[in-house]
Every structure is written in structure tokens, then in C-alpha cells.
C-alpha atoms as a PDB file:
ATOM      1  CA  UNK A   1     -18.858-138.936  -2.655  1.00  0.00           C
ATOM      2  CA  UNK A   2     -17.215-135.518  -2.732  1.00  0.00           C
ATOM      3  CA  UNK A   3     -17.161-135.468   1.071  1.00  0.00           C
ATOM      4  CA  UNK A   4     -15.273-138.772   1.197  1.00  0.00           C
ATOM      5  CA  UNK A   5     -12.838-137.601  -1.472  1.00  0.00           C
ATOM      6  CA  UNK A   6     -12.084-134.399   0.437  1.00  0.00           C
ATOM      7  CA  UNK A   7     -11.791-136.334   3.674  1.00  0.00           C
ATOM      8  CA  UNK A   8      -9.253-138.673   2.061  1.00  0.00           C
ATOM      9  CA  UNK A   9      -7.185-135.813   0.675  1.00  0.00           C
ATOM     10  CA  UNK A  10      -7.262-133.883   3.944  1.00  0.00           C
ATOM     11  CA  UNK A  11      -6.287-136.942   5.987  1.00  0.00           C
ATOM     12  CA  UNK A  12      -2.913-137.034   4.228  1.00  0.00           C
ATOM     13  CA  UNK A  13      -2.350-133.291   4.701  1.00  0.00           C
ATOM     14  CA  UNK A  14      -3.427-133.357   8.352  1.00  0.00           C
ATOM     15  CA  UNK A  15      -1.067-136.169   9.213  1.00  0.00           C
ATOM     16  CA  UNK A  16       1.900-134.315   7.687  1.00  0.00           C
ATOM     17  CA  UNK A  17       1.660-131.345  10.068  1.00  0.00           C
ATOM     18  CA  UNK A  18       3.330-132.532  13.317  1.00  0.00           C
ATOM     19  CA  UNK A  19       5.601-135.162  11.780  1.00  0.00           C
ATOM     20  CA  UNK A  20       8.347-133.181   9.994  1.00  0.00           C
ATOM     21  CA  UNK A  21       9.485-131.438  13.164  1.00  0.00           C
ATOM     22  CA  UNK A  22       9.760-134.674  15.146  1.00  0.00           C
ATOM     23  CA  UNK A  23      11.397-136.654  12.373  1.00  0.00           C
ATOM     24  CA  UNK A  24      13.703-133.731  11.636  1.00  0.00           C
ATOM     25  CA  UNK A  25      14.959-133.956  15.212  1.00  0.00           C
ATOM     26  CA  UNK A  26      15.324-137.712  14.838  1.00  0.00           C
ATOM     27  CA  UNK A  27      17.254-137.137  11.620  1.00  0.00           C
ATOM     28  CA  UNK A  28      19.663-134.853  13.486  1.00  0.00           C
ATOM     29  CA  UNK A  29      20.161-137.540  16.125  1.00  0.00           C
ATOM     30  CA  UNK A  30      20.482-140.746  14.070  1.00  0.00           C
ATOM     31  CA  UNK A  31      21.214-139.421  10.585  1.00  0.00           C
ATOM     32  CA  UNK A  32      19.209-138.409   7.548  1.00  0.00           C
ATOM     33  CA  UNK A  33      19.971-141.584   5.591  1.00  0.00           C
ATOM     34  CA  UNK A  34      18.382-143.789   8.247  1.00  0.00           C
ATOM     35  CA  UNK A  35      15.238-141.664   8.449  1.00  0.00           C
ATOM     36  CA  UNK A  36      14.906-141.604   4.652  1.00  0.00           C
ATOM     37  CA  UNK A  37      15.355-145.377   4.460  1.00  0.00           C
ATOM     38  CA  UNK A  38      12.750-146.114   7.137  1.00  0.00           C
ATOM     39  CA  UNK A  39      10.300-143.526   5.767  1.00  0.00           C
ATOM     40  CA  UNK A  40      10.540-145.002   2.249  1.00  0.00           C
ATOM     41  CA  UNK A  41      10.011-148.547   3.514  1.00  0.00           C
ATOM     42  CA  UNK A  42       7.048-147.414   5.625  1.00  0.00           C
ATOM     43  CA  UNK A  43       5.577-145.513   2.660  1.00  0.00           C
ATOM     44  CA  UNK A  44       5.937-148.568   0.421  1.00  0.00           C
ATOM     45  CA  UNK A  45       4.329-150.794   3.043  1.00  0.00           C
ATOM     46  CA  UNK A  46       1.471-148.286   3.274  1.00  0.00           C
ATOM     47  CA  UNK A  47       1.026-147.851  -0.484  1.00  0.00           C
ATOM     48  CA  UNK A  48       0.729-151.514  -1.448  1.00  0.00           C
ATOM     49  CA  UNK A  49      -2.307-152.323   0.766  1.00  0.00           C
ATOM     50  CA  UNK A  50      -4.163-149.388  -0.821  1.00  0.00           C
ATOM     51  CA  UNK A  51      -4.667-151.526  -3.916  1.00  0.00           C
ATOM     52  CA  UNK A  52      -6.689-154.022  -1.875  1.00  0.00           C
ATOM     53  CA  UNK A  53      -9.062-151.695   0.014  1.00  0.00           C
ATOM     54  CA  UNK A  54     -12.771-152.473  -0.094  1.00  0.00           C
ATOM     55  CA  UNK A  55     -14.128-149.409   1.714  1.00  0.00           C
ATOM     56  CA  UNK A  56     -13.404-145.689   1.697  1.00  0.00           C
ATOM     57  CA  UNK A  57     -12.536-145.625   5.399  1.00  0.00           C
ATOM     58  CA  UNK A  58      -9.713-148.123   4.776  1.00  0.00           C
ATOM     59  CA  UNK A  59      -8.241-145.835   2.129  1.00  0.00           C
ATOM     60  CA  UNK A  60      -8.578-142.832   4.453  1.00  0.00           C
ATOM     61  CA  UNK A  61      -6.678-144.643   7.230  1.00  0.00           C
ATOM     62  CA  UNK A  62      -3.927-145.815   4.881  1.00  0.00           C
ATOM     63  CA  UNK A  63      -3.588-142.355   3.333  1.00  0.00           C
ATOM     64  CA  UNK A  64      -3.306-140.844   6.830  1.00  0.00           C
ATOM     65  CA  UNK A  65      -0.484-143.255   7.663  1.00  0.00           C
ATOM     66  CA  UNK A  66       1.110-142.468   4.304  1.00  0.00           C
ATOM     67  CA  UNK A  67       1.096-138.783   5.246  1.00  0.00           C
ATOM     68  CA  UNK A  68       3.022-139.633   8.420  1.00  0.00           C
ATOM     69  CA  UNK A  69       5.696-141.435   6.424  1.00  0.00           C
ATOM     70  CA  UNK A  70       5.981-138.790   3.707  1.00  0.00           C
ATOM     71  CA  UNK A  71       6.273-136.065   6.330  1.00  0.00           C
ATOM     72  CA  UNK A  72       9.543-137.650   7.435  1.00  0.00           C
ATOM     73  CA  UNK A  73      11.159-137.417   4.034  1.00  0.00           C
ATOM     74  CA  UNK A  74      11.295-133.665   3.440  1.00  0.00           C
ATOM     75  CA  UNK A  75      13.433-132.613   6.430  1.00  0.00           C
ATOM     76  CA  UNK A  76      15.876-135.451   5.870  1.00  0.00           C
ATOM     77  CA  UNK A  77      16.208-134.823   2.138  1.00  0.00           C
ATOM     78  CA  UNK A  78      16.739-131.112   2.794  1.00  0.00           C
ATOM     79  CA  UNK A  79      19.437-131.976   5.330  1.00  0.00           C
ATOM     80  CA  UNK A  80      21.296-134.093   2.795  1.00  0.00           C
ATOM     81  CA  UNK A  81      20.935-131.445   0.086  1.00  0.00           C
ATOM     82  CA  UNK A  82      22.359-128.818   2.444  1.00  0.00           C
ATOM     83  CA  UNK A  83      25.304-131.051   3.402  1.00  0.00           C
ATOM     84  CA  UNK A  84      26.444-131.681  -0.176  1.00  0.00           C
ATOM     85  CA  UNK A  85      25.824-128.171  -1.532  1.00  0.00           C
ATOM     86  CA  UNK A  86      28.489-125.451  -1.525  1.00  0.00           C
ATOM     87  CA  UNK A  87      27.319-122.471   0.497  1.00  0.00           C
ATOM     88  CA  UNK A  88      27.292-120.065  -2.456  1.00  0.00           C
ATOM     89  CA  UNK A  89      24.859-122.339  -4.361  1.00  0.00           C
ATOM     90  CA  UNK A  90      22.412-123.232  -1.582  1.00  0.00           C
ATOM     91  CA  UNK A  91      19.525-121.051  -2.802  1.00  0.00           C
ATOM     92  CA  UNK A  92      19.851-122.264  -6.380  1.00  0.00           C
ATOM     93  CA  UNK A  93      19.988-125.928  -5.376  1.00  0.00           C
ATOM     94  CA  UNK A  94      16.959-125.629  -3.090  1.00  0.00           C
ATOM     95  CA  UNK A  95      15.146-123.913  -5.974  1.00  0.00           C
ATOM     96  CA  UNK A  96      16.004-126.886  -8.206  1.00  0.00           C
ATOM     97  CA  UNK A  97      14.812-129.221  -5.458  1.00  0.00           C
ATOM     98  CA  UNK A  98      11.429-127.488  -5.229  1.00  0.00           C
ATOM     99  CA  UNK A  99      11.085-127.413  -9.023  1.00  0.00           C
ATOM    100  CA  UNK A 100      11.882-131.117  -9.161  1.00  0.00           C
ATOM    101  CA  UNK A 101       9.111-131.684  -6.608  1.00  0.00           C
ATOM    102  CA  UNK A 102       6.578-129.969  -8.858  1.00  0.00           C
ATOM    103  CA  UNK A 103       7.788-131.941 -11.865  1.00  0.00           C
ATOM    104  CA  UNK A 104       7.461-135.123  -9.774  1.00  0.00           C
ATOM    105  CA  UNK A 105       3.841-134.325  -8.940  1.00  0.00           C
ATOM    106  CA  UNK A 106       3.016-133.553 -12.574  1.00  0.00           C
ATOM    107  CA  UNK A 107       4.779-136.593 -14.047  1.00  0.00           C
ATOM    108  CA  UNK A 108       3.441-138.860 -11.309  1.00  0.00           C
ATOM    109  CA  UNK A 109      -0.113-137.772 -12.097  1.00  0.00           C
ATOM    110  CA  UNK A 110       0.307-138.254 -15.832  1.00  0.00           C
ATOM    111  CA  UNK A 111       2.074-141.611 -15.573  1.00  0.00           C
ATOM    112  CA  UNK A 112      -0.276-142.792 -12.823  1.00  0.00           C
ATOM    113  CA  UNK A 113      -3.270-141.847 -14.975  1.00  0.00           C
ATOM    114  CA  UNK A 114      -1.851-143.788 -17.902  1.00  0.00           C
ATOM    115  CA  UNK A 115      -1.186-146.856 -15.757  1.00  0.00           C
ATOM    116  CA  UNK A 116      -4.674-146.643 -14.228  1.00  0.00           C
ATOM    117  CA  UNK A 117      -6.248-146.255 -17.660  1.00  0.00           C
ATOM    118  CA  UNK A 118      -4.501-149.304 -19.074  1.00  0.00           C
ATOM    119  CA  UNK A 119      -4.236-151.647 -16.084  1.00  0.00           C
ATOM    120  CA  UNK A 120      -6.601-150.351 -13.368  1.00  0.00           C
ATOM    121  CA  UNK A 121      -6.158-148.097 -10.352  1.00  0.00           C
ATOM    122  CA  UNK A 122      -4.976-151.000  -8.185  1.00  0.00           C
ATOM    123  CA  UNK A 123      -1.875-151.304 -10.357  1.00  0.00           C
ATOM    124  CA  UNK A 124      -0.933-147.686  -9.639  1.00  0.00           C
ATOM    125  CA  UNK A 125      -0.662-148.428  -5.921  1.00  0.00           C
ATOM    126  CA  UNK A 126       1.384-151.571  -6.539  1.00  0.00           C
ATOM    127  CA  UNK A 127       3.671-149.777  -9.006  1.00  0.00           C
ATOM    128  CA  UNK A 128       4.212-146.831  -6.653  1.00  0.00           C
ATOM    129  CA  UNK A 129       4.915-149.153  -3.731  1.00  0.00           C
ATOM    130  CA  UNK A 130       7.487-150.972  -5.834  1.00  0.00           C
ATOM    131  CA  UNK A 131       9.135-147.666  -6.774  1.00  0.00           C
ATOM    132  CA  UNK A 132       9.272-146.688  -3.112  1.00  0.00           C
ATOM    133  CA  UNK A 133      10.956-150.004  -2.242  1.00  0.00           C
ATOM    134  CA  UNK A 134      13.471-149.421  -5.053  1.00  0.00           C
ATOM    135  CA  UNK A 135      14.196-145.929  -3.702  1.00  0.00           C
ATOM    136  CA  UNK A 136      14.644-147.330  -0.208  1.00  0.00           C
ATOM    137  CA  UNK A 137      17.193-149.791  -1.572  1.00  0.00           C
ATOM    138  CA  UNK A 138      18.964-146.939  -3.353  1.00  0.00           C
ATOM    139  CA  UNK A 139      18.961-144.846  -0.148  1.00  0.00           C
ATOM    140  CA  UNK A 140      20.391-147.810   1.761  1.00  0.00           C
ATOM    141  CA  UNK A 141      23.304-148.182  -0.654  1.00  0.00           C
END
């Protein structure tokens, strides 16, 4: 069981490696908003099926694809942050951005654990997918 858990976790991390560079270039060419929008939609479409998996290998494949989509968000978000930040505040704003990422991971784990405890783990995937769709709508506007 531990092997499958580690394999699942590593599949997401492995898939993130080559993607940011390529999607960063795409973001420079077509715009960060478009890449963020598509990456959020793809992440949502990848998250929702995770609630219906029946085997570990299905979860591993979906988590790998999720890593591809998430890898496209960071360069595009950083591009937008850089564009709207005055030059003398860039370091501070990127520090806030990284801190917000850590807070997101912590709060997501706590809230996800509470949702899983009350409604089941499947609901966490559905809830997260819904949040990703909502964020995609917000990015589109």
C-alpha cells in the first residue's frame, strides 16, 4: 500500500517537471490569462473523475494528468503578478505569493480532511473540481 501511495504522489511531481517551461513559453505567446483559464478547466476536468476511480492505477493516471495541468499555472500566475506589481515591491509581492501558497496547502488539507470526514473522500474531489471551475470562470472574467 505504501508503494502505491508513493507512486501516486510521485506521479504528480514527475509530471510537473517539463510542463512549466513549455507552458511558460505558450503564456508569453498567447497570454497568461488564456493559459490560466485552460489549465484551471483541465484541472477541474481531471479532479472530478478522481471521485469515481475503482483502482489505484486510475488514480495514478489522473494525478499524473493533474500534475501537467497544475504545472501550467505557476508560470502564468507569476507573469501576471509581475505585470501588476510596481518594480520596487516585486520581492515583497512574490514573498506574499509564496506564503499564500503555503497557506493554501495548509487550509486545503484541513478543509479537505473535514469534508472527507463528514461526507467521504469522493466529495473532496467533487468539491475541489467545482472550486477549480469557479476559479476558471473568475479568470475568464
